[in-house]
N, C-alpha and C. Protein backbone atom coordinates (compact mmCIF):
# COMPACT_ATOMS: atom_id res chain seq x y z
N UNK A 1 60.39 49.63 -125.63
CA UNK A 1 59.78 50.94 -125.72
C UNK A 1 58.41 50.80 -126.38
N UNK A 2 57.42 51.43 -125.84
CA UNK A 2 56.07 51.35 -126.36
C UNK A 2 55.77 52.57 -127.22
N UNK A 3 55.13 52.32 -128.35
CA UNK A 3 54.69 53.41 -129.22
C UNK A 3 53.27 53.76 -128.82
N UNK A 4 53.08 54.83 -128.05
CA UNK A 4 51.77 55.16 -127.52
C UNK A 4 50.81 55.69 -128.57
N UNK A 5 51.26 55.91 -129.80
CA UNK A 5 50.35 56.35 -130.84
C UNK A 5 49.66 55.17 -131.50
N UNK A 6 50.04 53.97 -131.18
CA UNK A 6 49.49 52.76 -131.78
C UNK A 6 48.35 52.22 -130.94
N UNK A 7 47.39 51.55 -131.60
CA UNK A 7 46.31 50.89 -130.88
C UNK A 7 46.74 49.53 -130.34
N UNK A 8 47.89 49.06 -130.75
CA UNK A 8 48.36 47.74 -130.37
C UNK A 8 48.98 47.75 -128.98
N UNK A 9 48.71 46.69 -128.19
CA UNK A 9 49.36 46.57 -126.88
C UNK A 9 50.78 46.04 -126.99
N UNK A 10 51.24 45.73 -128.22
CA UNK A 10 52.55 45.14 -128.41
C UNK A 10 53.65 46.20 -128.36
N UNK A 11 54.76 45.85 -127.75
CA UNK A 11 55.89 46.78 -127.77
C UNK A 11 56.51 46.82 -129.16
N UNK A 12 57.11 47.93 -129.51
CA UNK A 12 57.88 48.01 -130.75
C UNK A 12 59.34 47.87 -130.36
N UNK A 13 60.06 47.06 -131.11
CA UNK A 13 61.49 46.93 -130.83
C UNK A 13 62.24 46.68 -132.12
N UNK A 14 63.51 46.95 -132.09
CA UNK A 14 64.34 46.79 -133.28
C UNK A 14 64.74 45.33 -133.50
N UNK A 15 64.44 44.48 -132.54
CA UNK A 15 64.85 43.08 -132.63
C UNK A 15 63.85 42.19 -133.37
N UNK A 16 62.65 42.69 -133.63
CA UNK A 16 61.61 41.87 -134.25
C UNK A 16 60.79 42.65 -135.25
N UNK A 17 60.27 41.92 -136.23
CA UNK A 17 59.24 42.42 -137.12
C UNK A 17 57.96 41.71 -136.67
N UNK A 18 56.93 42.45 -136.35
CA UNK A 18 55.70 41.84 -135.84
C UNK A 18 54.74 41.57 -136.99
N UNK A 19 54.43 40.30 -137.20
CA UNK A 19 53.42 39.90 -138.17
C UNK A 19 52.10 39.80 -137.42
N UNK A 20 51.09 40.55 -137.86
CA UNK A 20 49.82 40.61 -137.12
C UNK A 20 48.65 40.23 -138.02
N UNK A 21 47.70 39.55 -137.43
CA UNK A 21 46.45 39.20 -138.10
C UNK A 21 45.35 39.29 -137.07
N UNK A 22 44.22 39.86 -137.44
CA UNK A 22 43.09 39.90 -136.50
C UNK A 22 41.82 39.51 -137.22
N UNK A 23 40.87 39.04 -136.44
CA UNK A 23 39.55 38.69 -136.95
C UNK A 23 38.52 39.18 -135.95
N UNK A 24 37.44 39.73 -136.45
CA UNK A 24 36.34 40.19 -135.60
C UNK A 24 35.10 39.38 -135.97
N UNK A 25 34.38 38.93 -134.94
CA UNK A 25 33.19 38.12 -135.18
C UNK A 25 32.19 38.37 -134.05
N UNK A 26 30.96 37.92 -134.26
CA UNK A 26 29.91 38.10 -133.25
C UNK A 26 29.50 36.74 -132.72
N UNK A 27 29.29 36.69 -131.40
CA UNK A 27 28.82 35.49 -130.72
C UNK A 27 27.71 35.92 -129.76
N UNK A 28 26.52 35.40 -129.97
CA UNK A 28 25.39 35.74 -129.10
C UNK A 28 25.22 37.25 -128.93
N UNK A 29 25.37 37.97 -130.03
CA UNK A 29 25.18 39.42 -129.99
C UNK A 29 26.37 40.21 -129.47
N UNK A 30 27.44 39.54 -129.09
CA UNK A 30 28.64 40.23 -128.62
C UNK A 30 29.70 40.20 -129.72
N UNK A 31 30.31 41.34 -129.95
CA UNK A 31 31.39 41.41 -130.93
C UNK A 31 32.71 41.11 -130.24
N UNK A 32 33.48 40.23 -130.86
CA UNK A 32 34.77 39.84 -130.30
C UNK A 32 35.84 39.97 -131.36
N UNK A 33 37.04 40.33 -130.93
CA UNK A 33 38.18 40.43 -131.84
C UNK A 33 39.32 39.62 -131.27
N UNK A 34 39.88 38.78 -132.11
CA UNK A 34 41.08 38.02 -131.75
C UNK A 34 42.23 38.53 -132.59
N UNK A 35 43.36 38.70 -131.95
CA UNK A 35 44.55 39.16 -132.67
C UNK A 35 45.69 38.20 -132.39
N UNK A 36 46.39 37.87 -133.43
CA UNK A 36 47.56 37.02 -133.34
C UNK A 36 48.75 37.87 -133.77
N UNK A 37 49.79 37.89 -132.98
CA UNK A 37 51.00 38.65 -133.31
C UNK A 37 52.20 37.74 -133.16
N UNK A 38 53.00 37.68 -134.20
CA UNK A 38 54.17 36.82 -134.21
C UNK A 38 55.42 37.67 -134.29
N UNK A 39 56.36 37.50 -133.35
CA UNK A 39 57.61 38.25 -133.41
C UNK A 39 58.61 37.53 -134.32
N UNK A 40 58.86 38.12 -135.47
CA UNK A 40 59.78 37.53 -136.44
C UNK A 40 61.11 38.28 -136.38
N UNK A 41 62.15 37.53 -136.17
CA UNK A 41 63.49 38.12 -136.10
C UNK A 41 63.95 38.48 -137.50
N UNK A 42 64.42 39.72 -137.73
CA UNK A 42 64.96 40.06 -139.05
C UNK A 42 66.06 39.07 -139.42
N UNK A 43 66.04 38.60 -140.63
CA UNK A 43 67.04 37.65 -141.08
C UNK A 43 66.70 36.21 -140.74
N UNK A 44 65.48 35.97 -140.23
CA UNK A 44 65.08 34.61 -139.88
C UNK A 44 65.13 33.72 -141.13
N UNK A 45 65.53 32.49 -140.93
CA UNK A 45 65.59 31.55 -142.05
C UNK A 45 64.17 31.10 -142.40
N UNK A 46 63.98 30.58 -143.60
CA UNK A 46 62.67 30.04 -143.96
C UNK A 46 62.19 28.96 -142.98
N UNK A 47 63.11 28.15 -142.47
CA UNK A 47 62.73 27.12 -141.49
C UNK A 47 62.24 27.74 -140.19
N UNK A 48 62.89 28.82 -139.75
CA UNK A 48 62.45 29.50 -138.53
C UNK A 48 61.06 30.11 -138.72
N UNK A 49 60.83 30.71 -139.88
CA UNK A 49 59.52 31.30 -140.16
C UNK A 49 58.46 30.20 -140.18
N UNK A 50 58.75 29.10 -140.83
CA UNK A 50 57.80 27.99 -140.91
C UNK A 50 57.49 27.44 -139.52
N UNK A 51 58.50 27.30 -138.68
CA UNK A 51 58.30 26.81 -137.32
C UNK A 51 57.43 27.77 -136.51
N UNK A 52 57.68 29.05 -136.65
CA UNK A 52 56.89 30.06 -135.95
C UNK A 52 55.43 30.02 -136.40
N UNK A 53 55.20 29.91 -137.71
CA UNK A 53 53.83 29.83 -138.23
C UNK A 53 53.13 28.55 -137.77
N UNK A 54 53.86 27.43 -137.74
CA UNK A 54 53.29 26.17 -137.25
C UNK A 54 52.87 26.30 -135.79
N UNK A 55 53.72 26.92 -134.98
CA UNK A 55 53.41 27.10 -133.56
C UNK A 55 52.18 27.99 -133.39
N UNK A 56 52.10 29.05 -134.17
CA UNK A 56 50.94 29.95 -134.09
C UNK A 56 49.67 29.24 -134.53
N UNK A 57 49.74 28.46 -135.59
CA UNK A 57 48.58 27.72 -136.07
C UNK A 57 48.09 26.73 -135.02
N UNK A 58 49.01 26.03 -134.37
CA UNK A 58 48.62 25.09 -133.31
C UNK A 58 47.95 25.82 -132.16
N UNK A 59 48.46 26.99 -131.80
CA UNK A 59 47.85 27.78 -130.73
C UNK A 59 46.45 28.24 -131.09
N UNK A 60 46.25 28.64 -132.35
CA UNK A 60 44.92 29.07 -132.78
C UNK A 60 43.94 27.89 -132.78
N UNK A 61 44.41 26.70 -133.13
CA UNK A 61 43.53 25.51 -133.07
C UNK A 61 43.10 25.24 -131.64
N UNK A 62 44.04 25.34 -130.69
CA UNK A 62 43.70 25.13 -129.27
C UNK A 62 42.69 26.18 -128.81
N UNK A 63 42.90 27.43 -129.19
CA UNK A 63 41.98 28.49 -128.82
C UNK A 63 40.61 28.26 -129.43
N UNK A 64 40.58 27.86 -130.67
CA UNK A 64 39.31 27.60 -131.34
C UNK A 64 38.51 26.49 -130.64
N UNK A 65 39.21 25.45 -130.20
CA UNK A 65 38.51 24.36 -129.50
C UNK A 65 37.91 24.87 -128.19
N UNK A 66 38.59 25.76 -127.50
CA UNK A 66 38.07 26.31 -126.25
C UNK A 66 36.87 27.22 -126.47
N UNK A 67 36.87 27.91 -127.62
CA UNK A 67 35.76 28.82 -127.91
C UNK A 67 34.53 28.09 -128.43
N UNK A 68 34.70 26.90 -128.96
CA UNK A 68 33.56 26.13 -129.50
C UNK A 68 32.58 25.72 -128.45
């Protein structure tokens, strides 16, 4: 189910807590915003959280290399 009052394109659901981080920057006079959203399962173990954060960090590194 989508919460149409939100600016986020992410669905809201009872199965996940969404951890979100965004950054806005300018490149050649153009403003760009990147948003990272991680679906965290309620009750996730510390190891699951760490694995999810590691996966997100690796994805951001790949994206950063493409933007360079």
